[in-house]
Amino acid sequence: MNIAIDARYVREKPSGIGTYVQALVERLPTLASHSRFLLWTHPLGPRPLSRADNVREVVVRPGPNSPLPIWWPARYTPFDGVELFHNPHNLLPRGVPCPSVVTVHDVMAIERPDLHLPGIERLAKRTYYPGAVWRALRESTLIIVPTEDTARRVLALEPSARTRVRVIREAAEPIFRPASDVHLPRQHAAVLTESDAPYFLVVGANAATKRHEDAVTALASLPLRGAWCSCNGEDPAAAVPALRRLPNRSESPTASPGCPESAARTWSR
């Protein structure tokens, strides 16, 4: 079988989807050695993405979320002989001439477009991005989702997808494993946060699309006392405005020893 995979998320800029796609690129050609793969690659991605004999690559210059390959995919990469197309980042381009598999990580662009992207980017992408997600839900041959909750959300939006949805959980890297001694991590966390109070850790790049401020606002509205919220990012003050708008809250920034990219905030009633 000839399979095309959009691998443009693998580039110099790290991302969760990029890690997911990299894992596919590293494993699929060996697992399906009888098939041949065509990888759509990003101009800034590593070369080659795969050294397997059954892989060839084509550079698609617009980014993975650009409207041009979504509207006119055949202008940017050949579909001649392609028997299956896989898009691993939520979208189905228009007019794909073969069976398709789309990994839908979330449906926020449809459910909550106000939270999906910030400002100008949201205004620009609303002209095509939600439609490409809808196309994936309605027209793709198979839909992969990472959780049962995502599957429920997909089916609530598009009941006709019931027979096409498959839940395939994403594997965690070896570092994410239960601690052999549960007391040691708690002690370590207390040293980092300078508190033994319960805490939430919000992990993600310090980018507007990650909406750290919204996460802090939501957590701060919960009826908790002494809870901490630690946000991973380059700007230690990124979450402060959200807390300042909340009534009867106070925030006191602390540095996390040994963790310079963290910003910790605590609130109290």
C-alpha atoms as a PDB file:
ATOM      1  CA  MET A   1       0.000   0.000   0.000  1.00  0.00           C
ATOM      2  CA  ASN A   2       1.173   3.541  -0.788  1.00  0.00           C
ATOM      3  CA  ILE A   3       0.568   5.818   2.209  1.00  0.00           C
ATOM      4  CA  ALA A   4       1.025   9.597   2.438  1.00  0.00           C
ATOM      5  CA  ILE A   5       1.524  11.194   5.866  1.00  0.00           C
ATOM      6  CA  ASP A   6       1.532  14.905   6.609  1.00  0.00           C
ATOM      7  CA  ALA A   7       4.654  15.160   8.787  1.00  0.00           C
ATOM      8  CA  ARG A   8       5.101  18.935   8.705  1.00  0.00           C
ATOM      9  CA  TYR A   9       4.790  19.243  12.485  1.00  0.00           C
ATOM     10  CA  VAL A  10       8.254  17.708  12.744  1.00  0.00           C
ATOM     11  CA  ARG A  11      10.436  20.780  12.551  1.00  0.00           C
ATOM     12  CA  GLU A  12      12.905  22.883  14.549  1.00  0.00           C
ATOM     13  CA  LYS A  13      10.048  24.098  16.784  1.00  0.00           C
ATOM     14  CA  PRO A  14       9.126  21.436  19.390  1.00  0.00           C
ATOM     15  CA  SER A  15       5.486  20.536  19.912  1.00  0.00           C
ATOM     16  CA  GLY A  16       3.360  17.736  21.290  1.00  0.00           C
ATOM     17  CA  ILE A  17       1.924  16.883  17.879  1.00  0.00           C
ATOM     18  CA  GLY A  18       5.437  17.009  16.454  1.00  0.00           C
ATOM     19  CA  THR A  19       6.547  14.382  18.972  1.00  0.00           C
ATOM     20  CA  TYR A  20       3.531  12.260  18.061  1.00  0.00           C
ATOM     21  CA  VAL A  21       4.302  12.504  14.332  1.00  0.00           C
ATOM     22  CA  GLN A  22       7.993  11.802  14.896  1.00  0.00           C
ATOM     23  CA  ALA A  23       7.055   8.566  16.651  1.00  0.00           C
ATOM     24  CA  LEU A  24       4.933   7.547  13.641  1.00  0.00           C
ATOM     25  CA  VAL A  25       7.739   8.375  11.228  1.00  0.00           C
ATOM     26  CA  GLU A  26      10.260   6.359  13.236  1.00  0.00           C
ATOM     27  CA  ARG A  27       8.087   3.259  13.617  1.00  0.00           C
ATOM     28  CA  LEU A  28       5.585   2.858  10.791  1.00  0.00           C
ATOM     29  CA  PRO A  29       8.000   2.186   7.907  1.00  0.00           C
ATOM     30  CA  THR A  30       9.476  -0.728   9.861  1.00  0.00           C
ATOM     31  CA  LEU A  31       6.167  -2.041  11.186  1.00  0.00           C
ATOM     32  CA  ALA A  32       4.618  -1.871   7.693  1.00  0.00           C
ATOM     33  CA  SER A  33       7.692  -2.781   5.669  1.00  0.00           C
ATOM     34  CA  HIS A  34       5.507  -4.037   2.825  1.00  0.00           C
ATOM     35  CA  SER A  35       4.078  -0.519   2.317  1.00  0.00           C
ATOM     36  CA  ARG A  36       5.632   2.582   0.825  1.00  0.00           C
ATOM     37  CA  PHE A  37       5.408   5.981   2.511  1.00  0.00           C
ATOM     38  CA  LEU A  38       5.368   9.531   1.179  1.00  0.00           C
ATOM     39  CA  LEU A  39       6.086  12.086   3.917  1.00  0.00           C
ATOM     40  CA  TRP A  40       5.003  15.701   3.588  1.00  0.00           C
ATOM     41  CA  THR A  41       7.867  17.551   5.287  1.00  0.00           C
ATOM     42  CA  HIS A  42       8.363  21.067   6.608  1.00  0.00           C
ATOM     43  CA  PRO A  43      11.109  23.237   5.038  1.00  0.00           C
ATOM     44  CA  LEU A  44      12.665  23.650   8.507  1.00  0.00           C
ATOM     45  CA  GLY A  45      12.379  20.003   9.455  1.00  0.00           C
ATOM     46  CA  PRO A  46      15.350  17.624   9.719  1.00  0.00           C
ATOM     47  CA  ARG A  47      16.613  15.835   6.615  1.00  0.00           C
ATOM     48  CA  PRO A  48      15.842  13.090   6.104  1.00  0.00           C
ATOM     49  CA  LEU A  49      12.968  12.374   8.455  1.00  0.00           C
ATOM     50  CA  SER A  50      13.426   8.672   7.846  1.00  0.00           C
ATOM     51  CA  ARG A  51      16.249   6.617   6.403  1.00  0.00           C
ATOM     52  CA  ALA A  52      14.009   3.638   5.692  1.00  0.00           C
ATOM     53  CA  ASP A  53      14.192   2.300   2.149  1.00  0.00           C
ATOM     54  CA  ASN A  54      10.406   2.410   1.765  1.00  0.00           C
ATOM     55  CA  VAL A  55      10.140   6.170   2.486  1.00  0.00           C
ATOM     56  CA  ARG A  56      10.403   9.180   0.222  1.00  0.00           C
ATOM     57  CA  GLU A  57       9.812  12.802   1.168  1.00  0.00           C
ATOM     58  CA  VAL A  58       8.387  15.917  -0.459  1.00  0.00           C
ATOM     59  CA  VAL A  59       8.778  19.419   0.987  1.00  0.00           C
ATOM     60  CA  VAL A  60       5.498  21.310   1.388  1.00  0.00           C
ATOM     61  CA  ARG A  61       6.482  24.914   2.022  1.00  0.00           C
ATOM     62  CA  PRO A  62       3.314  26.300   3.652  1.00  0.00           C
ATOM     63  CA  GLY A  63       2.944  25.354   7.312  1.00  0.00           C
ATOM     64  CA  PRO A  64       0.733  22.488   8.511  1.00  0.00           C
ATOM     65  CA  ASN A  65      -2.128  24.838   9.406  1.00  0.00           C
ATOM     66  CA  SER A  66      -1.826  27.060   6.346  1.00  0.00           C
ATOM     67  CA  PRO A  67      -5.046  27.375   4.310  1.00  0.00           C
ATOM     68  CA  LEU A  68      -3.391  26.785   0.933  1.00  0.00           C
ATOM     69  CA  PRO A  69      -2.639  23.020   1.209  1.00  0.00           C
ATOM     70  CA  ILE A  70      -5.990  22.621   2.979  1.00  0.00           C
ATOM     71  CA  TRP A  71      -7.860  24.145   0.056  1.00  0.00           C
ATOM     72  CA  TRP A  72      -5.666  22.823  -2.779  1.00  0.00           C
ATOM     73  CA  PRO A  73      -3.541  19.921  -1.481  1.00  0.00           C
ATOM     74  CA  ALA A  74      -2.790  18.482  -4.916  1.00  0.00           C
ATOM     75  CA  ARG A  75      -1.008  21.714  -5.892  1.00  0.00           C
ATOM     76  CA  TYR A  76       1.641  21.083  -3.250  1.00  0.00           C
ATOM     77  CA  THR A  77       2.170  17.332  -3.289  1.00  0.00           C
ATOM     78  CA  PRO A  78       1.326  14.536  -5.719  1.00  0.00           C
ATOM     79  CA  PHE A  79      -1.457  12.084  -4.967  1.00  0.00           C
ATOM     80  CA  ASP A  80      -0.638   9.819  -7.906  1.00  0.00           C
ATOM     81  CA  GLY A  81      -0.693   6.244  -6.661  1.00  0.00           C
ATOM     82  CA  VAL A  82      -1.475   7.242  -3.051  1.00  0.00           C
ATOM     83  CA  GLU A  83      -3.896   4.728  -1.573  1.00  0.00           C
ATOM     84  CA  LEU A  84      -4.233   6.169   1.924  1.00  0.00           C
ATOM     85  CA  PHE A  85      -3.677   9.643   3.374  1.00  0.00           C
ATOM     86  CA  HIS A  86      -3.078  10.336   7.067  1.00  0.00           C
ATOM     87  CA  ASN A  87      -3.273  13.782   8.619  1.00  0.00           C
ATOM     88  CA  PRO A  88      -2.172  13.617  12.276  1.00  0.00           C
ATOM     89  CA  HIS A  89      -3.313  17.119  13.277  1.00  0.00           C
ATOM     90  CA  ASN A  90      -7.108  17.465  13.213  1.00  0.00           C
ATOM     91  CA  LEU A  91      -7.669  18.579   9.625  1.00  0.00           C
ATOM     92  CA  LEU A  92      -8.796  16.973   6.379  1.00  0.00           C
ATOM     93  CA  PRO A  93      -7.805  18.904   3.250  1.00  0.00           C
ATOM     94  CA  ARG A  94     -10.405  19.443   0.581  1.00  0.00           C
ATOM     95  CA  GLY A  95     -10.665  16.997  -2.293  1.00  0.00           C
ATOM     96  CA  VAL A  96      -8.358  14.229  -1.025  1.00  0.00           C
ATOM     97  CA  PRO A  97      -8.796  11.580  -3.755  1.00  0.00           C
ATOM     98  CA  CYS A  98      -8.215   8.483  -1.604  1.00  0.00           C
ATOM     99  CA  PRO A  99      -9.293   6.994   1.741  1.00  0.00           C
ATOM    100  CA  SER A 100      -8.142   9.105   4.685  1.00  0.00           C
ATOM    101  CA  VAL A 101      -7.278   8.736   8.364  1.00  0.00           C
ATOM    102  CA  VAL A 102      -7.262  11.842  10.560  1.00  0.00           C
ATOM    103  CA  THR A 103      -6.055  12.024  14.149  1.00  0.00           C
ATOM    104  CA  VAL A 104      -8.327  14.471  15.970  1.00  0.00           C
ATOM    105  CA  HIS A 105      -6.616  15.596  19.161  1.00  0.00           C
ATOM    106  CA  ASP A 106      -9.423  17.962  20.153  1.00  0.00           C
ATOM    107  CA  VAL A 107     -12.465  19.731  18.742  1.00  0.00           C
ATOM    108  CA  MET A 108     -11.971  23.063  20.475  1.00  0.00           C
ATOM    109  CA  ALA A 109     -12.050  24.934  17.156  1.00  0.00           C
ATOM    110  CA  ILE A 110     -15.691  23.857  16.851  1.00  0.00           C
ATOM    111  CA  GLU A 111     -16.835  23.697  20.478  1.00  0.00           C
ATOM    112  CA  ARG A 112     -15.106  26.811  21.817  1.00  0.00           C
ATOM    113  CA  PRO A 113     -13.673  28.908  19.005  1.00  0.00           C
ATOM    114  CA  ASP A 114     -13.311  31.783  21.494  1.00  0.00           C
ATOM    115  CA  LEU A 115     -10.718  29.723  23.387  1.00  0.00           C
ATOM    116  CA  HIS A 116      -9.078  28.000  20.457  1.00  0.00           C
ATOM    117  CA  LEU A 117      -6.713  30.758  19.329  1.00  0.00           C
ATOM    118  CA  PRO A 118      -5.978  34.332  20.401  1.00  0.00           C
ATOM    119  CA  GLY A 119      -6.902  37.563  18.661  1.00  0.00           C
ATOM    120  CA  ILE A 120      -5.901  38.073  15.054  1.00  0.00           C
ATOM    121  CA  GLU A 121      -4.915  34.429  14.547  1.00  0.00           C
ATOM    122  CA  ARG A 122      -8.423  33.325  15.519  1.00  0.00           C
ATOM    123  CA  LEU A 123      -9.985  35.848  13.124  1.00  0.00           C
ATOM    124  CA  ALA A 124      -7.812  34.620  10.259  1.00  0.00           C
ATOM    125  CA  LYS A 125      -8.196  30.894  10.842  1.00  0.00           C
ATOM    126  CA  ARG A 126     -11.921  30.916  11.477  1.00  0.00           C
ATOM    127  CA  THR A 127     -12.374  31.259   7.704  1.00  0.00           C
ATOM    128  CA  TYR A 128     -11.048  27.752   7.086  1.00  0.00           C
ATOM    129  CA  TYR A 129      -9.798  25.883  10.176  1.00  0.00           C
ATOM    130  CA  PRO A 130     -13.151  24.864  11.767  1.00  0.00           C
ATOM    131  CA  GLY A 131     -14.379  23.789   8.342  1.00  0.00           C
ATOM    132  CA  ALA A 132     -11.360  21.503   7.917  1.00  0.00           C
ATOM    133  CA  VAL A 133     -12.074  19.919  11.314  1.00  0.00           C
ATOM    134  CA  TRP A 134     -15.723  19.434  10.354  1.00  0.00           C
ATOM    135  CA  ARG A 135     -14.563  17.850   7.085  1.00  0.00           C
ATOM    136  CA  ALA A 136     -12.436  15.402   9.072  1.00  0.00           C
ATOM    137  CA  LEU A 137     -15.399  14.437  11.249  1.00  0.00           C
ATOM    138  CA  ARG A 138     -17.801  14.036   8.337  1.00  0.00           C
ATOM    139  CA  GLU A 139     -15.691  12.719   5.467  1.00  0.00           C
ATOM    140  CA  SER A 140     -12.599  10.900   6.716  1.00  0.00           C
ATOM    141  CA  THR A 141     -12.583   7.131   6.368  1.00  0.00           C
ATOM    142  CA  LEU A 142     -11.299   6.684   9.909  1.00  0.00           C
ATOM    143  CA  ILE A 143     -10.915   9.051  12.866  1.00  0.00           C
ATOM    144  CA  ILE A 144      -8.293   8.432  15.555  1.00  0.00           C
ATOM    145  CA  VAL A 145      -8.813  10.130  18.926  1.00  0.00           C
ATOM    146  CA  PRO A 146      -6.520   9.914  21.980  1.00  0.00           C
ATOM    147  CA  THR A 147      -9.170   9.543  24.714  1.00  0.00           C
ATOM    148  CA  GLU A 148     -12.685   8.287  25.339  1.00  0.00           C
ATOM    149  CA  ASP A 149     -13.719  11.839  26.217  1.00  0.00           C
ATOM    150  CA  THR A 150     -12.544  13.107  22.826  1.00  0.00           C
ATOM    151  CA  ALA A 151     -14.523  10.298  21.192  1.00  0.00           C
ATOM    152  CA  ARG A 152     -17.663  11.382  23.050  1.00  0.00           C
ATOM    153  CA  ARG A 153     -17.160  14.966  21.982  1.00  0.00           C
ATOM    154  CA  VAL A 154     -16.664  13.949  18.350  1.00  0.00           C
ATOM    155  CA  LEU A 155     -19.829  11.842  18.376  1.00  0.00           C
ATOM    156  CA  ALA A 156     -21.841  14.595  20.041  1.00  0.00           C
ATOM    157  CA  LEU A 157     -20.907  16.864  17.155  1.00  0.00           C
ATOM    158  CA  GLU A 158     -21.101  14.276  14.364  1.00  0.00           C
ATOM    159  CA  PRO A 159     -23.130  11.137  15.246  1.00  0.00           C
ATOM    160  CA  SER A 160     -22.476   9.676  11.785  1.00  0.00           C
ATOM    161  CA  ALA A 161     -18.842   9.166  12.827  1.00  0.00           C
ATOM    162  CA  ARG A 162     -19.769   6.424  15.324  1.00  0.00           C
ATOM    163  CA  THR A 163     -18.513   3.546  13.187  1.00  0.00           C
ATOM    164  CA  ARG A 164     -15.390   5.451  12.126  1.00  0.00           C
ATOM    165  CA  VAL A 165     -13.953   6.543  15.479  1.00  0.00           C
ATOM    166  CA  ARG A 166     -11.111   4.602  17.103  1.00  0.00           C
ATOM    167  CA  VAL A 167      -9.573   5.468  20.476  1.00  0.00           C
ATOM    168  CA  ILE A 168      -5.802   4.983  20.378  1.00  0.00           C
ATOM    169  CA  ARG A 169      -4.119   6.330  23.487  1.00  0.00           C
ATOM    170  CA  GLU A 170      -0.856   8.162  23.143  1.00  0.00           C
ATOM    171  CA  ALA A 171       2.080   6.477  24.830  1.00  0.00           C
ATOM    172  CA  ALA A 172       4.012   8.286  27.541  1.00  0.00           C
ATOM    173  CA  GLU A 173       7.775   8.556  27.441  1.00  0.00           C
ATOM    174  CA  PRO A 174       9.683   6.405  29.971  1.00  0.00           C
ATOM    175  CA  ILE A 175      10.223   9.364  32.303  1.00  0.00           C
ATOM    176  CA  PHE A 176       6.486   9.417  33.028  1.00  0.00           C
ATOM    177  CA  ARG A 177       6.094   6.496  35.380  1.00  0.00           C
ATOM    178  CA  PRO A 178       4.830   5.948  38.933  1.00  0.00           C
ATOM    179  CA  ALA A 179       7.370   6.813  41.565  1.00  0.00           C
ATOM    180  CA  SER A 180       8.862   3.880  43.470  1.00  0.00           C
ATOM    181  CA  ASP A 181       8.740   6.011  46.613  1.00  0.00           C
ATOM    182  CA  VAL A 182       5.639   8.244  46.723  1.00  0.00           C
ATOM    183  CA  HIS A 183       7.014  10.307  49.603  1.00  0.00           C
ATOM    184  CA  LEU A 184      10.154  11.423  47.785  1.00  0.00           C
ATOM    185  CA  PRO A 185       8.364  13.345  44.973  1.00  0.00           C
ATOM    186  CA  ARG A 186       6.185  15.087  47.545  1.00  0.00           C
ATOM    187  CA  GLN A 187       9.232  16.178  49.473  1.00  0.00           C
ATOM    188  CA  HIS A 188      10.895  17.369  46.280  1.00  0.00           C
ATOM    189  CA  ALA A 189       7.766  19.334  45.257  1.00  0.00           C
ATOM    190  CA  ALA A 190       7.661  20.995  48.685  1.00  0.00           C
ATOM    191  CA  VAL A 191      11.246  22.157  48.231  1.00  0.00           C
ATOM    192  CA  LEU A 192      10.536  23.556  44.747  1.00  0.00           C
ATOM    193  CA  THR A 193       7.315  25.362  45.706  1.00  0.00           C
ATOM    194  CA  GLU A 194       8.358  26.233  49.256  1.00  0.00           C
ATOM    195  CA  SER A 195       5.033  24.834  50.419  1.00  0.00           C
ATOM    196  CA  ASP A 196       3.601  21.426  51.261  1.00  0.00           C
ATOM    197  CA  ALA A 197       0.152  22.456  49.968  1.00  0.00           C
ATOM    198  CA  PRO A 198      -1.489  20.553  47.090  1.00  0.00           C
ATOM    199  CA  TYR A 199      -0.737  22.031  43.680  1.00  0.00           C
ATOM    200  CA  PHE A 200      -1.633  21.841  40.021  1.00  0.00           C
ATOM    201  CA  LEU A 201       1.047  21.849  37.349  1.00  0.00           C
ATOM    202  CA  VAL A 202       0.092  23.347  33.991  1.00  0.00           C
ATOM    203  CA  VAL A 203       2.667  22.369  31.388  1.00  0.00           C
ATOM    204  CA  GLY A 204       3.046  23.941  27.987  1.00  0.00           C
ATOM    205  CA  ALA A 205       5.012  26.354  25.899  1.00  0.00           C
ATOM    206  CA  ASN A 206       4.839  30.007  26.882  1.00  0.00           C
ATOM    207  CA  ALA A 207       2.667  30.861  23.897  1.00  0.00           C
ATOM    208  CA  ALA A 208      -0.652  32.629  23.644  1.00  0.00           C
ATOM    209  CA  THR A 209      -2.257  29.529  22.130  1.00  0.00           C
ATOM    210  CA  LYS A 210      -1.652  27.572  25.360  1.00  0.00           C
ATOM    211  CA  ARG A 211      -3.930  29.951  27.303  1.00  0.00           C
ATOM    212  CA  HIS A 212      -2.099  29.688  30.633  1.00  0.00           C
ATOM    213  CA  GLU A 213      -4.030  32.674  31.914  1.00  0.00           C
ATOM    214  CA  ASP A 214      -7.338  30.874  31.339  1.00  0.00           C
ATOM    215  CA  ALA A 215      -6.045  27.776  33.126  1.00  0.00           C
ATOM    216  CA  VAL A 216      -4.984  29.790  36.153  1.00  0.00           C
ATOM    217  CA  THR A 217      -8.309  31.643  36.217  1.00  0.00           C
ATOM    218  CA  ALA A 218     -10.243  28.373  36.141  1.00  0.00           C
ATOM    219  CA  LEU A 219      -8.153  26.777  38.881  1.00  0.00           C
ATOM    220  CA  ALA A 220      -8.284  29.867  41.053  1.00  0.00           C
ATOM    221  CA  SER A 221     -12.089  29.825  40.913  1.00  0.00           C
ATOM    222  CA  LEU A 222     -12.223  26.401  42.555  1.00  0.00           C
ATOM    223  CA  PRO A 223     -13.047  26.196  46.280  1.00  0.00           C
ATOM    224  CA  LEU A 224      -9.500  25.326  47.315  1.00  0.00           C
ATOM    225  CA  ARG A 225      -7.356  26.694  50.100  1.00  0.00           C
ATOM    226  CA  GLY A 226      -3.632  26.930  49.921  1.00  0.00           C
ATOM    227  CA  ALA A 227      -3.430  25.330  46.478  1.00  0.00           C
ATOM    228  CA  TRP A 228      -0.657  26.266  44.113  1.00  0.00           C
ATOM    229  CA  CYS A 229      -0.638  26.593  40.372  1.00  0.00           C
ATOM    230  CA  SER A 230       2.739  26.278  38.674  1.00  0.00           C
ATOM    231  CA  CYS A 231       2.909  27.325  35.024  1.00  0.00           C
ATOM    232  CA  ASN A 232       5.762  26.281  32.806  1.00  0.00           C
ATOM    233  CA  GLY A 233       6.885  29.214  30.683  1.00  0.00           C
ATOM    234  CA  GLU A 234       9.513  31.837  30.124  1.00  0.00           C
ATOM    235  CA  ASP A 235       7.586  34.734  31.665  1.00  0.00           C
ATOM    236  CA  PRO A 236       7.118  34.347  35.448  1.00  0.00           C
ATOM    237  CA  ALA A 237       4.441  37.055  35.461  1.00  0.00           C
ATOM    238  CA  ALA A 238       2.300  35.583  32.678  1.00  0.00           C
ATOM    239  CA  ALA A 239      -0.454  34.346  34.981  1.00  0.00           C
ATOM    240  CA  VAL A 240      -0.621  37.289  37.396  1.00  0.00           C
ATOM    241  CA  PRO A 241      -3.235  39.412  35.542  1.00  0.00           C
ATOM    242  CA  ALA A 242      -5.784  36.611  35.747  1.00  0.00           C
ATOM    243  CA  LEU A 243      -5.387  36.303  39.509  1.00  0.00           C
ATOM    244  CA  ARG A 244      -5.531  40.052  40.043  1.00  0.00           C
ATOM    245  CA  ARG A 245      -8.994  40.178  38.457  1.00  0.00           C
ATOM    246  CA  LEU A 246     -10.364  37.618  40.902  1.00  0.00           C
ATOM    247  CA  PRO A 247     -12.072  38.968  44.036  1.00  0.00           C
ATOM    248  CA  ASN A 248     -10.703  38.086  47.466  1.00  0.00           C
ATOM    249  CA  ARG A 249      -7.533  36.557  46.089  1.00  0.00           C
ATOM    250  CA  SER A 250      -3.930  37.480  46.646  1.00  0.00           C
ATOM    251  CA  GLU A 251      -0.912  36.228  44.785  1.00  0.00           C
ATOM    252  CA  SER A 252       2.664  35.998  45.953  1.00  0.00           C
ATOM    253  CA  PRO A 253       5.248  35.056  43.346  1.00  0.00           C
ATOM    254  CA  THR A 254       7.988  32.675  44.313  1.00  0.00           C
ATOM    255  CA  ALA A 255      10.972  31.386  42.422  1.00  0.00           C
ATOM    256  CA  SER A 256      11.247  27.645  42.020  1.00  0.00           C
ATOM    257  CA  PRO A 257      14.827  26.623  42.842  1.00  0.00           C
ATOM    258  CA  GLY A 258      16.365  24.640  40.030  1.00  0.00           C
ATOM    259  CA  CYS A 259      13.399  25.309  37.769  1.00  0.00           C
ATOM    260  CA  PRO A 260      14.016  28.704  36.106  1.00  0.00           C
ATOM    261  CA  GLU A 261      11.231  28.317  33.525  1.00  0.00           C
ATOM    262  CA  SER A 262       8.494  27.969  36.135  1.00  0.00           C
ATOM    263  CA  ALA A 263       6.263  30.622  37.557  1.00  0.00           C
ATOM    264  CA  ALA A 264       4.497  29.772  40.797  1.00  0.00           C
ATOM    265  CA  ARG A 265       1.511  31.587  42.195  1.00  0.00           C
ATOM    266  CA  THR A 266      -0.476  30.920  45.326  1.00  0.00           C
ATOM    267  CA  TRP A 267      -3.848  32.312  46.251  1.00  0.00           C
ATOM    268  CA  SER A 268      -5.903  32.506  49.412  1.00  0.00           C
ATOM    269  CA  ARG A 269      -9.423  33.493  50.271  1.00  0.00           C
END
